[in-house]
Amino acid sequence: MELFNKYKNKNFAFMTNYINSCVNDDSLSLTEDELRKQLSGASQSSFEEFLLSLINSYDVDELYNASLLYSENGTMHPLREIPIPIRASIAEKAWLYYVLQNSKADLFLENETKEKLITALESDIDSARFPIRSEYIDIRMFSPDIHLDLSDNFFKCFKTIVTAIKNQKSLYVTNNSFTGRVYENQLVFPYKLEYSPQFDSFSLSCYPIDIKRPIKMNLINISNVVLGEKINDYDTFLKQFEKELSETKEKKPITIEIKNQADAYDRCTYLFSSFDTYCYDKGDDTLIMNIYYYRFQREEIIRNILFLGHYVKIVSPKDITDEVVASIKNAYEQYL
């Protein structure tokens, strides 16, 4: 029946999620009235027909009985006792197919698994009717200067870090900082890997034993990683790391003013999407954004502000303004 078409109606996705939720937790079952609210949008008569079909009580035509739910103690429970496999939409399959073409997929999948997925998707998607193009799926516009070089060494470092985090082991890291200083075979306790979509880069959040504070290392600056020993009392380390991390959060936010020109609003919200922010409309097509951050994120915020150009003005604090001005002056002098 049309009300339960998996491509044309929200009811298919809702019922799939509802049944799977109830299979895992019976207390999540809803009453008929609650189901009615969740499935609002259909006419009263068509909803009654739909509900009757769900509970296998549609007498006009037995072919419309779905045999999905039954009523017990005032709530609707699924007849099925195991979860329903999730069916991906054409758009989701196209997105997955495109993602697998990206070399970064090799960081997370073995080659055999990746090839099996690609082959299955190619046979399942009608490319004539639904062409797969990167611009349909990835709308980001990276600077030509931003390019993640997935060298053999990058793969080695990445997988070694993943192994260390998974097995709760320390690492010996050789890192070339942005300031030019080289930290060779630095003993660190890894916390997690993070990905920055705006800069197409991975970072390692970790705790170097020698400096005893949380820091973040960009993986493109890491030249070598060696697996260390098992970390004793790993849970205590995690709690201590998160406690110290919270203590590095600046009390006062960076406040910027954005003019609504050349998609500056969209670019700004995208660049700072990974930060805690508070925004409000100042009027006259101007947005005010407060950015709350950790001390080690300061340089990243300054780079983002410089990337946004003259559409953004720093309201406070003054030391951030001074640093941005100094960076602009230094860049200008390089071209003289």
Protein backbone atom coordinates (compact mmCIF):
# COMPACT_ATOMS: atom_id res chain seq x y z
CA MET A 1 0.00 0.00 0.00
CA GLU A 2 1.14 3.54 -0.76
CA LEU A 3 1.23 4.54 2.91
CA PHE A 4 4.02 2.06 3.45
CA ASN A 5 6.21 2.69 0.42
CA LYS A 6 9.84 2.65 1.58
CA TYR A 7 10.88 5.26 -1.00
CA LYS A 8 7.91 7.67 -0.87
CA ASN A 9 6.74 7.77 2.72
CA LYS A 10 8.22 8.49 6.14
CA ASN A 11 6.19 5.65 7.69
CA PHE A 12 8.62 2.98 6.51
CA ALA A 13 11.62 4.59 8.24
CA PHE A 14 9.60 5.39 11.35
CA MET A 15 8.27 1.85 11.76
CA THR A 16 11.71 0.35 11.15
CA ASN A 17 13.20 2.49 13.92
CA TYR A 18 10.20 1.92 16.19
CA ILE A 19 10.32 -1.88 15.89
CA ASN A 20 14.10 -1.99 16.41
CA SER A 21 13.82 0.27 19.46
CA CYS A 22 11.07 -1.86 21.03
CA VAL A 23 12.97 -5.08 20.34
CA ASN A 24 15.91 -3.68 22.32
CA ASP A 25 13.83 -1.97 25.03
CA ASP A 26 10.18 -2.96 25.56
CA SER A 27 9.54 0.16 27.66
CA LEU A 28 9.82 2.33 24.51
CA SER A 29 6.53 1.04 23.09
CA LEU A 30 3.88 3.70 22.39
CA THR A 31 0.12 3.89 22.71
CA GLU A 32 -2.14 4.23 19.67
CA ASP A 33 -2.54 7.95 20.40
CA GLU A 34 1.22 8.43 20.63
CA LEU A 35 1.70 6.58 17.35
CA ARG A 36 -0.96 8.80 15.80
CA LYS A 37 1.02 11.93 16.78
CA GLN A 38 4.28 10.50 15.47
CA LEU A 39 2.65 9.59 12.16
CA SER A 40 0.75 12.86 11.78
CA GLY A 41 0.29 14.21 8.30
CA ALA A 42 -1.92 11.51 6.84
CA SER A 43 -5.68 12.04 6.76
CA GLN A 44 -7.76 10.61 9.61
CA SER A 45 -9.29 7.85 7.47
CA SER A 46 -6.05 6.79 5.85
CA PHE A 47 -4.32 6.70 9.23
CA GLU A 48 -7.01 4.40 10.62
CA GLU A 49 -6.48 2.07 7.66
CA PHE A 50 -2.74 2.19 8.19
CA LEU A 51 -3.01 1.43 11.92
CA LEU A 52 -5.39 -1.46 11.24
CA SER A 53 -2.92 -2.92 8.76
CA LEU A 54 -0.10 -2.69 11.33
CA ILE A 55 -2.04 -4.74 13.87
CA ASN A 56 -3.32 -7.21 11.23
CA SER A 57 -6.96 -6.11 11.59
CA TYR A 58 -7.71 -4.69 8.13
CA ASP A 59 -10.86 -6.59 7.10
CA VAL A 60 -11.56 -4.98 3.72
CA ASP A 61 -8.59 -6.64 2.04
CA GLU A 62 -6.40 -9.08 3.97
CA LEU A 63 -3.50 -8.37 1.59
CA TYR A 64 -3.11 -5.02 3.32
CA ASN A 65 -2.48 -6.61 6.71
CA ALA A 66 1.16 -6.01 7.61
CA SER A 67 1.28 -8.13 10.78
CA LEU A 68 3.81 -5.84 12.41
CA LEU A 69 2.33 -4.87 15.79
CA TYR A 70 -0.03 -6.14 18.43
CA SER A 71 -1.71 -4.31 21.31
CA GLU A 72 -0.95 -5.30 24.90
CA ASN A 73 -1.53 -3.33 28.12
CA GLY A 74 -2.46 -0.23 26.11
CA THR A 75 0.74 -0.04 24.03
CA MET A 76 1.76 -1.32 20.62
CA HIS A 77 4.46 -4.01 20.54
CA PRO A 78 6.28 -5.53 17.54
CA LEU A 79 5.53 -9.12 16.56
CA ARG A 80 9.12 -9.38 15.34
CA GLU A 81 11.60 -10.49 18.00
CA ILE A 82 14.82 -9.49 16.23
CA PRO A 83 15.81 -6.10 14.75
CA ILE A 84 15.02 -5.23 11.14
CA PRO A 85 18.13 -4.74 8.96
CA ILE A 86 18.45 -1.07 8.03
CA ARG A 87 17.78 -0.40 4.33
CA ALA A 88 19.97 2.30 2.88
CA SER A 89 18.39 4.81 0.53
CA ILE A 90 19.80 5.47 -2.95
CA ALA A 91 21.30 8.73 -1.66
CA GLU A 92 22.96 6.93 1.26
CA LYS A 93 24.37 4.26 -1.06
CA ALA A 94 25.68 6.91 -3.44
CA TRP A 95 27.31 8.75 -0.53
CA LEU A 96 28.96 5.54 0.72
CA TYR A 97 30.17 4.71 -2.78
CA TYR A 98 31.76 8.16 -3.08
CA VAL A 99 33.35 7.94 0.38
CA LEU A 100 34.95 4.61 -0.56
CA GLN A 101 36.61 6.26 -3.57
CA ASN A 102 38.41 8.61 -1.20
CA SER A 103 41.84 7.35 -0.20
CA LYS A 104 41.07 8.15 3.46
CA ALA A 105 38.79 5.09 3.46
CA ASP A 106 41.97 2.98 3.42
CA LEU A 107 42.73 4.27 6.91
CA PHE A 108 39.72 2.44 8.29
CA LEU A 109 39.06 -0.53 5.99
CA GLU A 110 41.10 -3.46 4.75
CA ASN A 111 41.44 -3.45 0.97
CA GLU A 112 39.46 -6.69 0.57
CA THR A 113 36.50 -5.31 2.55
CA LYS A 114 36.59 -2.04 0.62
CA GLU A 115 36.56 -3.81 -2.78
CA LYS A 116 33.62 -6.00 -1.74
CA LEU A 117 31.62 -2.93 -0.73
CA ILE A 118 32.42 -1.08 -3.95
CA THR A 119 31.46 -4.10 -6.09
CA ALA A 120 28.17 -4.54 -4.22
CA LEU A 121 27.29 -0.86 -4.56
CA GLU A 122 28.15 -0.75 -8.26
CA SER A 123 25.76 -3.62 -8.96
CA ASP A 124 23.02 -2.08 -6.80
CA ILE A 125 23.03 1.53 -8.05
CA ASP A 126 21.68 2.37 -11.50
CA SER A 127 24.33 4.90 -12.54
CA ALA A 128 22.33 5.87 -15.63
CA ARG A 129 19.34 7.00 -13.56
CA PHE A 130 21.30 8.09 -10.48
CA PRO A 131 24.77 9.34 -11.54
CA ILE A 132 27.29 9.56 -8.71
CA ARG A 133 29.33 12.74 -8.75
CA SER A 134 31.50 14.12 -5.98
CA GLU A 135 29.94 17.59 -6.21
CA TYR A 136 26.52 16.07 -5.44
CA ILE A 137 27.80 14.69 -2.14
CA ASP A 138 30.73 16.77 -0.89
CA ILE A 139 29.86 20.48 -1.00
CA ARG A 140 32.99 21.65 0.82
CA MET A 141 35.40 23.96 -0.95
CA PHE A 142 38.94 23.47 0.29
CA SER A 143 41.74 25.92 -0.26
CA PRO A 144 44.29 24.72 -2.87
CA ASP A 145 46.86 24.91 -0.07
CA ILE A 146 44.93 22.34 2.00
CA HIS A 147 45.69 18.80 0.93
CA LEU A 148 46.10 15.76 3.17
CA ASP A 149 49.09 13.77 1.91
CA LEU A 150 48.30 10.12 2.64
CA SER A 151 51.84 8.79 2.35
CA ASP A 152 52.92 5.32 3.48
CA ASN A 153 54.34 6.89 6.63
CA PHE A 154 51.02 8.64 7.35
CA PHE A 155 49.18 5.29 7.11
CA LYS A 156 51.75 3.67 9.40
CA CYS A 157 51.49 6.41 12.03
CA PHE A 158 47.69 6.49 11.86
CA LYS A 159 47.26 2.74 12.32
CA THR A 160 49.86 2.62 15.10
CA ILE A 161 47.96 5.35 16.99
CA VAL A 162 44.66 3.50 16.50
CA THR A 163 46.26 0.30 17.83
CA ALA A 164 47.60 2.17 20.88
CA ILE A 165 44.20 3.71 21.72
CA LYS A 166 42.39 0.42 21.17
CA ASN A 167 44.85 -1.56 23.34
CA GLN A 168 45.38 1.21 25.92
CA LYS A 169 49.10 1.55 25.21
CA SER A 170 51.50 4.49 25.29
CA LEU A 171 53.32 5.89 22.25
CA TYR A 172 56.76 7.28 21.44
CA VAL A 173 56.12 10.15 19.01
CA THR A 174 58.46 12.30 16.93
CA ASN A 175 56.56 15.52 16.28
CA ASN A 176 57.54 18.66 14.38
CA SER A 177 55.51 21.48 15.92
CA PHE A 178 54.16 24.49 14.00
CA THR A 179 56.79 26.62 15.75
CA GLY A 180 59.55 24.54 14.17
CA ARG A 181 60.61 22.72 17.33
CA VAL A 182 61.21 18.96 17.02
CA TYR A 183 60.08 16.66 19.85
CA GLU A 184 61.88 13.35 19.27
CA ASN A 185 60.59 10.05 20.72
CA GLN A 186 58.33 11.91 23.14
CA LEU A 187 56.47 9.52 25.45
CA VAL A 188 52.74 10.27 25.33
CA PHE A 189 49.52 8.69 26.52
CA PRO A 190 47.05 8.85 23.57
CA TYR A 191 43.50 10.05 24.23
CA LYS A 192 41.75 10.09 20.84
CA LEU A 193 42.09 10.90 17.15
CA GLU A 194 40.11 13.87 15.82
CA TYR A 195 39.27 14.95 12.28
CA SER A 196 38.90 18.56 11.17
CA PRO A 197 36.65 18.74 8.06
CA GLN A 198 37.47 22.39 7.33
CA PHE A 199 41.21 21.67 7.14
CA ASP A 200 40.93 18.04 6.01
CA SER A 201 43.35 16.97 8.74
CA PHE A 202 43.67 14.48 11.61
CA SER A 203 44.98 15.35 15.07
CA LEU A 204 46.07 13.30 18.05
CA SER A 205 44.87 14.48 21.46
CA CYS A 206 47.37 13.16 23.97
CA TYR A 207 49.18 13.67 27.27
CA PRO A 208 52.99 14.02 26.97
CA ILE A 209 54.61 12.71 30.12
CA ASP A 210 57.40 15.29 30.13
CA ILE A 211 55.24 18.45 29.91
CA LYS A 212 52.29 16.95 31.89
CA ARG A 213 49.39 18.68 30.15
CA PRO A 214 46.93 17.80 27.37
CA ILE A 215 47.99 18.85 23.88
CA LYS A 216 46.94 18.23 20.27
CA MET A 217 49.36 17.12 17.53
CA ASN A 218 48.54 17.42 13.84
CA LEU A 219 49.32 14.09 12.16
CA ILE A 220 50.96 15.77 9.17
CA ASN A 221 53.63 17.01 11.60
CA ILE A 222 54.28 13.55 13.06
CA SER A 223 57.20 11.82 11.34
CA ASN A 224 57.38 8.65 13.43
CA VAL A 225 55.32 6.69 15.98
CA VAL A 226 56.37 3.63 17.98
CA LEU A 227 54.04 1.55 20.13
CA GLY A 228 54.86 1.64 23.85
CA GLU A 229 53.87 -0.31 26.93
CA LYS A 230 50.43 -0.94 28.39
CA ILE A 231 49.14 2.07 30.39
CA ASN A 232 48.56 1.11 34.00
CA ASP A 233 45.13 2.02 35.39
CA TYR A 234 43.88 3.41 32.09
CA ASP A 235 40.51 4.52 33.50
CA THR A 236 42.28 6.75 36.04
CA PHE A 237 44.32 8.29 33.22
CA LEU A 238 41.15 9.09 31.24
CA LYS A 239 39.51 10.78 34.23
CA GLN A 240 42.64 12.80 34.99
CA PHE A 241 43.07 13.78 31.33
CA GLU A 242 39.47 14.99 31.02
CA LYS A 243 39.79 16.89 34.32
CA GLU A 244 42.95 18.68 33.16
CA LEU A 245 41.40 19.28 29.75
CA SER A 246 38.47 21.10 31.33
CA GLU A 247 40.91 23.24 33.32
CA THR A 248 42.54 24.45 30.07
CA LYS A 249 39.27 25.94 28.85
CA GLU A 250 39.46 29.72 28.64
CA LYS A 251 36.95 31.51 30.85
CA LYS A 252 36.36 34.34 28.37
CA PRO A 253 35.29 33.55 24.80
CA ILE A 254 36.60 35.09 21.61
CA THR A 255 33.88 37.37 20.25
CA ILE A 256 33.68 38.07 16.53
CA GLU A 257 31.33 40.10 14.35
CA ILE A 258 30.38 38.68 10.94
CA LYS A 259 28.89 40.63 8.04
CA ASN A 260 26.33 38.73 5.99
CA GLN A 261 28.19 39.05 2.70
CA ALA A 262 29.66 36.49 0.27
CA ASP A 263 28.24 33.59 2.34
CA ALA A 264 30.29 34.70 5.34
CA TYR A 265 27.60 33.43 7.77
CA ASP A 266 27.71 29.93 6.29
CA ARG A 267 31.50 29.80 6.08
CA CYS A 268 31.88 31.04 9.65
CA THR A 269 29.41 28.59 11.19
CA TYR A 270 31.05 25.77 9.24
CA LEU A 271 34.57 26.66 10.32
CA PHE A 272 33.60 26.90 13.99
CA SER A 273 31.12 23.99 14.01
CA SER A 274 33.43 21.90 16.23
CA PHE A 275 33.57 24.61 18.93
CA ASP A 276 31.07 25.60 21.58
CA THR A 277 29.54 28.81 20.25
CA TYR A 278 26.77 31.25 21.09
CA CYS A 279 25.37 33.44 18.31
CA TYR A 280 22.89 36.27 18.13
CA ASP A 281 21.74 38.77 15.51
CA LYS A 282 23.09 42.25 16.11
CA GLY A 283 20.94 43.70 13.35
CA ASP A 284 21.97 45.42 10.10
CA ASP A 285 22.87 42.02 8.61
CA THR A 286 25.50 41.41 11.29
CA LEU A 287 25.96 38.30 13.43
CA ILE A 288 27.80 38.16 16.76
CA MET A 289 29.48 34.88 17.69
CA ASN A 290 31.08 33.95 21.02
CA ILE A 291 33.59 31.11 20.64
CA TYR A 292 34.48 29.08 23.74
CA TYR A 293 37.76 27.19 23.43
CA TYR A 294 40.68 25.41 25.04
CA ARG A 295 44.04 27.17 25.20
CA PHE A 296 45.64 24.77 22.72
CA GLN A 297 42.91 25.64 20.17
CA ARG A 298 43.90 29.30 20.08
CA GLU A 299 46.09 28.99 16.95
CA GLU A 300 43.37 27.07 15.11
CA ILE A 301 40.81 29.82 15.84
CA ILE A 302 43.22 32.52 14.63
CA ARG A 303 43.80 30.58 11.38
CA ASN A 304 40.02 30.31 10.89
CA ILE A 305 39.56 34.04 11.44
CA LEU A 306 42.30 34.84 8.91
CA PHE A 307 40.67 32.42 6.45
CA LEU A 308 37.36 34.35 6.70
CA GLY A 309 39.00 37.61 5.63
CA HIS A 310 37.63 41.13 5.95
CA TYR A 311 34.04 39.99 6.53
CA VAL A 312 34.94 39.25 10.16
CA LYS A 313 35.88 41.69 12.91
CA ILE A 314 37.31 40.64 16.29
CA VAL A 315 35.40 42.34 19.09
CA SER A 316 37.39 40.85 21.97
CA PRO A 317 39.81 40.03 23.52
CA LYS A 318 42.46 42.53 22.48
CA ASP A 319 45.39 40.07 22.53
CA ILE A 320 43.68 37.99 19.83
CA THR A 321 43.13 41.14 17.76
CA ASP A 322 46.80 42.06 18.14
CA GLU A 323 47.92 38.59 17.07
CA VAL A 324 45.70 38.60 13.97
CA VAL A 325 46.91 42.09 13.01
CA ALA A 326 50.53 40.99 13.47
CA SER A 327 49.95 37.93 11.23
CA ILE A 328 48.41 40.09 8.51
CA LYS A 329 51.27 42.62 8.69
CA ASN A 330 53.85 39.85 8.54
CA ALA A 331 52.15 38.30 5.48
CA TYR A 332 51.97 41.72 3.79
CA GLU A 333 55.67 42.37 4.41
CA GLN A 334 56.57 39.06 2.78
CA TYR A 335 55.19 40.36 -0.51
CA LEU A 336 57.04 43.69 -0.43
